[in-house]
Amino acid sequence: MADTREMHSRRTFLSTLTQRLPFLGVAAATIHHAGIRAQDQQPRVLASIRLDDTPALAKPGGFVLLKDTPAGELLVVCTGENKYAAMSNVCPHRKCHVEVKNPEMIQCPCHGSTYTIDGTYVRGPSNKSLEQFKVAVADGVITVTDNHPGTGI
C-alpha cells in the first residue's frame, strides 16, 4: 500500500493535469493549425512581366520600374543572360528612390549609396542591400513574388 505522501502527490499531479489539459490541447491545436496554414499559403504575386513586351530586359543592365505593385515601386533588372533580380526602388538609408547608373551599378542620388546591379550593398551611408523579392521565369514571363507568404511582404 502506498504511503500518504505518495498518494497526495499523485492526487495533486492528476488534479493539476486535468485542470491544465484543456489549455495544452488548445495550444497544441493552435500551433498545428498555424503550421498547416503557413505551408498552404503561396507567395503573393507582386508583378508579372512578359519578356516579349519588355525589350529593356533583353540585355544585362536593362531594367523596368514598376510603380504600382502591392510592395510599392519595384525595380526589375536583367543581371545576365536569362537572369533577373527584383528589388525595392527605395534606398534603406533615407528612403530616396535609387537609379540605375550603368549595367553594373545602382546608386541613390540623395547621399550616394551604391549597389551592384542585383541590389547588393557596396558602399555609402546605407549599411544594407536593397530589399529583394523572389523572381521566377517561365514561358517568357517573369513573376515577382513577396518574400513572406501570408504577411504581405
Protein backbone atom coordinates (compact mmCIF):
# COMPACT_ATOMS: atom_id res chain seq x y z
CA MET A 1 0.00 0.00 0.00
CA ALA A 2 1.35 3.44 -0.95
CA ASP A 3 2.13 5.89 1.78
CA THR A 4 0.05 9.06 2.27
CA ARG A 5 2.65 11.45 0.79
CA GLU A 6 2.86 9.44 -2.41
CA MET A 7 -0.94 9.34 -2.80
CA HIS A 8 -1.20 13.07 -2.07
CA SER A 9 1.50 13.76 -4.65
CA ARG A 10 -0.30 11.66 -7.28
CA ARG A 11 -3.63 13.30 -6.44
CA THR A 12 -2.08 16.78 -6.76
CA PHE A 13 -0.42 15.85 -10.04
CA LEU A 14 -3.61 14.41 -11.52
CA SER A 15 -5.69 17.34 -10.32
CA THR A 16 -3.24 19.84 -11.84
CA LEU A 17 -3.06 17.85 -15.07
CA THR A 18 -6.84 17.70 -15.52
CA GLN A 19 -7.13 21.44 -14.86
CA ARG A 20 -4.46 22.35 -17.41
CA LEU A 21 -5.09 19.72 -20.05
CA PRO A 22 -7.69 21.76 -21.97
CA PHE A 23 -5.20 24.64 -22.28
CA LEU A 24 -2.46 22.35 -23.54
CA GLY A 25 -4.83 20.92 -26.13
CA VAL A 26 -5.80 24.38 -27.39
CA ALA A 27 -2.15 25.43 -27.56
CA ALA A 28 -1.16 22.29 -29.46
CA ALA A 29 -4.06 22.68 -31.90
CA THR A 30 -3.18 26.34 -32.50
CA ILE A 31 0.46 25.55 -33.21
CA HIS A 32 -0.51 22.67 -35.51
CA HIS A 33 -3.07 24.83 -37.37
CA ALA A 34 -0.56 27.68 -37.82
CA GLY A 35 1.96 25.24 -39.26
CA ILE A 36 -0.55 23.91 -41.77
CA ARG A 37 -1.63 27.43 -42.75
CA ALA A 38 1.97 28.53 -43.35
CA GLN A 39 2.63 25.51 -45.57
CA ASP A 40 -0.56 26.02 -47.59
CA GLN A 41 -0.08 29.71 -48.32
CA GLN A 42 1.52 30.61 -51.61
CA PRO A 43 3.70 33.69 -52.07
CA ARG A 44 1.73 36.72 -53.23
CA VAL A 45 2.38 37.70 -56.84
CA LEU A 46 3.54 41.31 -56.95
CA ALA A 47 4.10 41.60 -60.71
CA SER A 48 4.21 39.63 -63.94
CA ILE A 49 6.21 40.86 -66.91
CA ARG A 50 6.09 39.37 -70.40
CA LEU A 51 9.63 39.41 -71.78
CA ASP A 52 8.35 39.81 -75.36
CA ASP A 53 6.69 43.07 -74.30
CA THR A 54 9.72 44.39 -72.40
CA PRO A 55 12.76 44.84 -74.67
CA ALA A 56 14.63 46.73 -71.91
CA LEU A 57 15.11 43.42 -70.09
CA ALA A 58 16.78 41.74 -73.09
CA LYS A 59 20.32 42.75 -72.12
CA PRO A 60 22.31 42.84 -68.85
CA GLY A 61 21.79 46.11 -67.05
CA GLY A 62 18.44 46.66 -68.69
CA PHE A 63 15.62 47.41 -66.28
CA VAL A 64 11.99 48.33 -65.79
CA LEU A 65 10.49 50.32 -62.95
CA LEU A 66 7.13 49.03 -61.75
CA LYS A 67 5.33 51.80 -59.90
CA ASP A 68 2.05 50.27 -58.80
CA THR A 69 2.71 46.97 -57.04
CA PRO A 70 1.43 45.78 -53.66
CA ALA A 71 5.01 46.24 -52.36
CA GLY A 72 5.43 49.76 -53.74
CA GLU A 73 7.87 50.66 -56.50
CA LEU A 74 9.96 47.73 -57.71
CA LEU A 75 12.99 47.69 -59.93
CA VAL A 76 13.34 44.58 -62.12
CA VAL A 77 16.80 44.25 -63.65
CA CYS A 78 18.42 41.89 -66.12
CA THR A 79 21.58 40.72 -64.30
CA GLY A 80 22.85 38.37 -67.01
CA GLU A 81 21.65 36.19 -69.85
CA ASN A 82 18.19 34.97 -68.77
CA LYS A 83 18.86 36.11 -65.18
CA TYR A 84 16.81 38.72 -63.38
CA ALA A 85 16.55 40.38 -59.98
CA ALA A 86 13.72 42.32 -58.39
CA MET A 87 14.21 44.80 -55.58
CA SER A 88 12.68 47.77 -53.88
CA ASN A 89 13.38 51.05 -55.63
CA VAL A 90 13.82 52.72 -52.24
CA CYS A 91 17.22 53.21 -50.58
CA PRO A 92 17.15 51.91 -46.99
CA HIS A 93 19.23 54.88 -45.78
CA ARG A 94 16.80 57.82 -46.18
CA LYS A 95 14.09 56.32 -48.42
CA CYS A 96 15.15 58.10 -51.63
CA HIS A 97 14.44 56.41 -54.96
CA VAL A 98 17.51 54.74 -56.44
CA GLU A 99 18.63 54.97 -60.08
CA VAL A 100 20.31 52.50 -62.42
CA LYS A 101 23.52 54.33 -63.40
CA ASN A 102 25.00 51.76 -65.76
CA PRO A 103 24.74 47.99 -66.48
CA GLU A 104 26.67 47.24 -63.28
CA MET A 105 25.62 49.88 -60.74
CA ILE A 106 22.59 51.28 -58.93
CA GLN A 107 23.01 54.46 -56.93
CA CYS A 108 20.99 56.61 -54.57
CA PRO A 109 21.02 60.23 -55.81
CA CYS A 110 20.42 61.66 -52.33
CA HIS A 111 23.52 60.53 -50.43
CA GLY A 112 25.46 58.33 -52.85
CA SER A 113 24.84 54.83 -51.50
CA THR A 114 25.95 52.40 -54.20
CA TYR A 115 24.65 48.91 -55.03
CA THR A 116 25.52 46.24 -57.57
CA ILE A 117 23.01 45.68 -60.35
CA ASP A 118 21.26 43.00 -58.26
CA GLY A 119 20.77 45.42 -55.33
CA THR A 120 23.66 44.24 -53.13
CA TYR A 121 25.12 46.99 -50.95
CA VAL A 122 28.60 48.21 -51.95
CA ARG A 123 29.26 51.48 -50.11
CA GLY A 124 27.78 54.70 -48.80
CA PRO A 125 25.74 55.81 -45.84
CA SER A 126 23.29 52.93 -46.24
CA ASN A 127 24.55 49.83 -44.46
CA LYS A 128 22.38 47.22 -46.15
CA SER A 129 21.25 45.98 -49.55
CA LEU A 130 18.05 46.97 -51.29
CA GLU A 131 15.09 44.81 -50.26
CA GLN A 132 14.99 41.78 -52.57
CA PHE A 133 11.97 39.93 -53.95
CA LYS A 134 11.74 36.45 -55.43
CA VAL A 135 11.91 36.10 -59.20
CA ALA A 136 10.84 33.16 -61.35
CA VAL A 137 10.94 32.90 -65.13
CA ALA A 138 8.71 30.50 -67.04
CA ASP A 139 7.29 30.56 -70.56
CA GLY A 140 8.65 34.02 -71.28
CA VAL A 141 7.12 35.60 -68.18
CA ILE A 142 8.97 36.99 -65.17
CA THR A 143 6.94 36.62 -61.97
CA VAL A 144 7.90 38.63 -58.91
CA THR A 145 6.59 37.40 -55.55
CA ASP A 146 6.82 38.52 -51.95
CA ASN A 147 9.27 37.01 -49.50
CA HIS A 148 6.92 36.14 -46.66
CA PRO A 149 3.75 34.23 -47.60
CA GLY A 150 0.68 35.40 -45.74
CA THR A 151 2.29 38.54 -44.31
CA GLY A 152 2.04 40.86 -47.26
CA ILE A 153 5.73 41.31 -47.96
